[in-house]
C-alpha atoms as a PDB file:
ATOM      1  CA  UNK A   1     116.184  79.985 102.419  1.00  0.00           C
ATOM      2  CA  UNK A   2     114.032  77.880 100.146  1.00  0.00           C
ATOM      3  CA  UNK A   3     110.247  78.096 100.009  1.00  0.00           C
ATOM      4  CA  UNK A   4     107.950  75.803  98.055  1.00  0.00           C
ATOM      5  CA  UNK A   5     104.286  75.874  97.012  1.00  0.00           C
ATOM      6  CA  UNK A   6     102.665  73.523  94.493  1.00  0.00           C
ATOM      7  CA  UNK A   7     106.066  72.368  93.214  1.00  0.00           C
ATOM      8  CA  UNK A   8     107.255  75.943  92.645  1.00  0.00           C
ATOM      9  CA  UNK A   9     110.385  76.932  94.576  1.00  0.00           C
ATOM     10  CA  UNK A  10     111.724  80.327  95.517  1.00  0.00           C
ATOM     11  CA  UNK A  11     115.153  80.639  97.065  1.00  0.00           C
ATOM     12  CA  UNK A  12     117.041  83.600  98.480  1.00  0.00           C
ATOM     13  CA  UNK A  13     119.741  84.146 101.100  1.00  0.00           C
ATOM     14  CA  UNK A  14     118.980  84.696 104.761  1.00  0.00           C
ATOM     15  CA  UNK A  15     120.028  87.914 106.495  1.00  0.00           C
ATOM     16  CA  UNK A  16     121.405  91.087 104.940  1.00  0.00           C
ATOM     17  CA  UNK A  17     120.370  91.570 101.307  1.00  0.00           C
ATOM     18  CA  UNK A  18     123.363  92.785  99.337  1.00  0.00           C
ATOM     19  CA  UNK A  19     121.224  92.804  96.204  1.00  0.00           C
ATOM     20  CA  UNK A  20     118.845  95.329  97.785  1.00  0.00           C
ATOM     21  CA  UNK A  21     121.824  97.335  99.031  1.00  0.00           C
ATOM     22  CA  UNK A  22     123.262  97.662  95.507  1.00  0.00           C
ATOM     23  CA  UNK A  23     120.160  97.398  93.274  1.00  0.00           C
ATOM     24  CA  UNK A  24     117.492  98.997  95.459  1.00  0.00           C
ATOM     25  CA  UNK A  25     113.879  98.723  94.322  1.00  0.00           C
ATOM     26  CA  UNK A  26     114.799  96.498  91.353  1.00  0.00           C
ATOM     27  CA  UNK A  27     115.114  93.423  93.592  1.00  0.00           C
ATOM     28  CA  UNK A  28     111.392  93.135  94.453  1.00  0.00           C
ATOM     29  CA  UNK A  29     110.595  93.723  90.787  1.00  0.00           C
ATOM     30  CA  UNK A  30     112.855  90.820  89.743  1.00  0.00           C
ATOM     31  CA  UNK A  31     111.349  88.614  92.465  1.00  0.00           C
ATOM     32  CA  UNK A  32     107.809  89.595  91.353  1.00  0.00           C
ATOM     33  CA  UNK A  33     107.084  90.978  94.812  1.00  0.00           C
ATOM     34  CA  UNK A  34     104.649  93.735  93.880  1.00  0.00           C
ATOM     35  CA  UNK A  35     103.886  94.911  97.404  1.00  0.00           C
ATOM     36  CA  UNK A  36     107.496  95.640  98.306  1.00  0.00           C
ATOM     37  CA  UNK A  37     108.285  97.006  94.841  1.00  0.00           C
ATOM     38  CA  UNK A  38     105.619  99.692  95.292  1.00  0.00           C
ATOM     39  CA  UNK A  39     106.764 100.471  98.850  1.00  0.00           C
ATOM     40  CA  UNK A  40     110.415 100.728  97.781  1.00  0.00           C
ATOM     41  CA  UNK A  41     109.520 102.928  94.819  1.00  0.00           C
ATOM     42  CA  UNK A  42     107.540 105.286  97.102  1.00  0.00           C
ATOM     43  CA  UNK A  43     110.489 105.396  99.505  1.00  0.00           C
ATOM     44  CA  UNK A  44     113.051 106.237  96.813  1.00  0.00           C
ATOM     45  CA  UNK A  45     110.712 108.718  95.104  1.00  0.00           C
ATOM     46  CA  UNK A  46     110.088 110.518  98.386  1.00  0.00           C
ATOM     47  CA  UNK A  47     113.834 110.817  99.005  1.00  0.00           C
ATOM     48  CA  UNK A  48     114.232 112.249  95.506  1.00  0.00           C
ATOM     49  CA  UNK A  49     111.436 114.764  96.144  1.00  0.00           C
ATOM     50  CA  UNK A  50     112.992 115.773  99.461  1.00  0.00           C
ATOM     51  CA  UNK A  51     116.312 116.317  97.716  1.00  0.00           C
ATOM     52  CA  UNK A  52     114.614 118.658  95.251  1.00  0.00           C
ATOM     53  CA  UNK A  53     112.983 120.623  98.081  1.00  0.00           C
ATOM     54  CA  UNK A  54     116.277 121.354  99.824  1.00  0.00           C
ATOM     55  CA  UNK A  55     117.209 125.011  99.838  1.00  0.00           C
ATOM     56  CA  UNK A  56     120.005 126.295  97.638  1.00  0.00           C
ATOM     57  CA  UNK A  57     123.322 125.413  99.337  1.00  0.00           C
ATOM     58  CA  UNK A  58     124.687 128.878  98.514  1.00  0.00           C
ATOM     59  CA  UNK A  59     121.925 130.437 100.603  1.00  0.00           C
ATOM     60  CA  UNK A  60     121.235 127.834 103.304  1.00  0.00           C
ATOM     61  CA  UNK A  61     123.571 125.790 105.423  1.00  0.00           C
ATOM     62  CA  UNK A  62     124.829 122.591 103.738  1.00  0.00           C
ATOM     63  CA  UNK A  63     123.836 120.606 106.837  1.00  0.00           C
ATOM     64  CA  UNK A  64     120.467 119.834 105.204  1.00  0.00           C
ATOM     65  CA  UNK A  65     122.187 117.869 102.459  1.00  0.00           C
ATOM     66  CA  UNK A  66     124.248 115.900 104.958  1.00  0.00           C
ATOM     67  CA  UNK A  67     121.155 115.053 106.992  1.00  0.00           C
ATOM     68  CA  UNK A  68     119.352 113.849 103.863  1.00  0.00           C
ATOM     69  CA  UNK A  69     122.284 111.754 102.621  1.00  0.00           C
ATOM     70  CA  UNK A  70     123.071 110.101 105.955  1.00  0.00           C
ATOM     71  CA  UNK A  71     119.382 109.638 106.744  1.00  0.00           C
ATOM     72  CA  UNK A  72     118.898 107.965 103.372  1.00  0.00           C
ATOM     73  CA  UNK A  73     121.909 105.687 103.908  1.00  0.00           C
ATOM     74  CA  UNK A  74     120.662 104.678 107.351  1.00  0.00           C
ATOM     75  CA  UNK A  75     117.164 103.925 106.033  1.00  0.00           C
ATOM     76  CA  UNK A  76     118.601 102.103 103.011  1.00  0.00           C
ATOM     77  CA  UNK A  77     120.760  99.879 105.244  1.00  0.00           C
ATOM     78  CA  UNK A  78     117.709  99.166 107.438  1.00  0.00           C
ATOM     79  CA  UNK A  79     115.722  98.088 104.366  1.00  0.00           C
ATOM     80  CA  UNK A  80     118.589  95.935 103.065  1.00  0.00           C
ATOM     81  CA  UNK A  81     118.986  94.320 106.490  1.00  0.00           C
ATOM     82  CA  UNK A  82     115.291  93.406 106.789  1.00  0.00           C
ATOM     83  CA  UNK A  83     114.078  92.804 103.227  1.00  0.00           C
ATOM     84  CA  UNK A  84     114.759  89.053 103.101  1.00  0.00           C
ATOM     85  CA  UNK A  85     112.875  88.602 106.379  1.00  0.00           C
ATOM     86  CA  UNK A  86     109.947  90.659 105.029  1.00  0.00           C
ATOM     87  CA  UNK A  87     109.961  88.655 101.798  1.00  0.00           C
ATOM     88  CA  UNK A  88     109.964  85.343 103.722  1.00  0.00           C
ATOM     89  CA  UNK A  89     106.985  86.508 105.783  1.00  0.00           C
ATOM     90  CA  UNK A  90     105.189  87.513 102.576  1.00  0.00           C
ATOM     91  CA  UNK A  91     105.781  84.057 101.080  1.00  0.00           C
ATOM     92  CA  UNK A  92     104.456  82.378 104.230  1.00  0.00           C
ATOM     93  CA  UNK A  93     101.290  84.518 104.003  1.00  0.00           C
ATOM     94  CA  UNK A  94     100.888  83.418 100.371  1.00  0.00           C
ATOM     95  CA  UNK A  95     100.909  79.746 101.398  1.00  0.00           C
ATOM     96  CA  UNK A  96     104.534  78.784 100.753  1.00  0.00           C
ATOM     97  CA  UNK A  97     106.288  76.582 103.279  1.00  0.00           C
ATOM     98  CA  UNK A  98     109.970  76.518 104.089  1.00  0.00           C
ATOM     99  CA  UNK A  99     111.988  73.600 102.747  1.00  0.00           C
ATOM    100  CA  UNK A 100     115.071  72.699 104.765  1.00  0.00           C
ATOM    101  CA  UNK A 101     117.243  71.368 101.946  1.00  0.00           C
ATOM    102  CA  UNK A 102     117.340  72.086  98.260  1.00  0.00           C
ATOM    103  CA  UNK A 103     117.953  69.013  96.132  1.00  0.00           C
ATOM    104  CA  UNK A 104     119.566  69.621  92.748  1.00  0.00           C
ATOM    105  CA  UNK A 105     117.612  68.913  89.559  1.00  0.00           C
ATOM    106  CA  UNK A 106     117.978  65.402  88.100  1.00  0.00           C
ATOM    107  CA  UNK A 107     119.996  66.557  85.107  1.00  0.00           C
ATOM    108  CA  UNK A 108     122.658  68.038  87.413  1.00  0.00           C
ATOM    109  CA  UNK A 109     122.933  65.009  89.694  1.00  0.00           C
ATOM    110  CA  UNK A 110     126.138  63.064  89.199  1.00  0.00           C
ATOM    111  CA  UNK A 111     125.860  59.293  89.037  1.00  0.00           C
END
């Protein structure tokens, strides 16, 4: 997807965000998307705090750890699946419009 505003273009793939899946909250930071960077950081920090609050596995059942890990993976996949759509909606709210085709810069054009 390519969005443009005042001659400034932002492009990113449509659908599942593999970059969010592997890099987490760093992706909105690199894209200068402050709103989502803060939300992602709160999400990952809260998971880290929950992990610290889990009881000692020697005393309690280890099921708590499994629930936290699989719950985190499910939430992380949900975020990775929807982030590009959320980012596109954010750009539309900021006044960008979607451009159908991306033409290469003049210096890369052959001929």
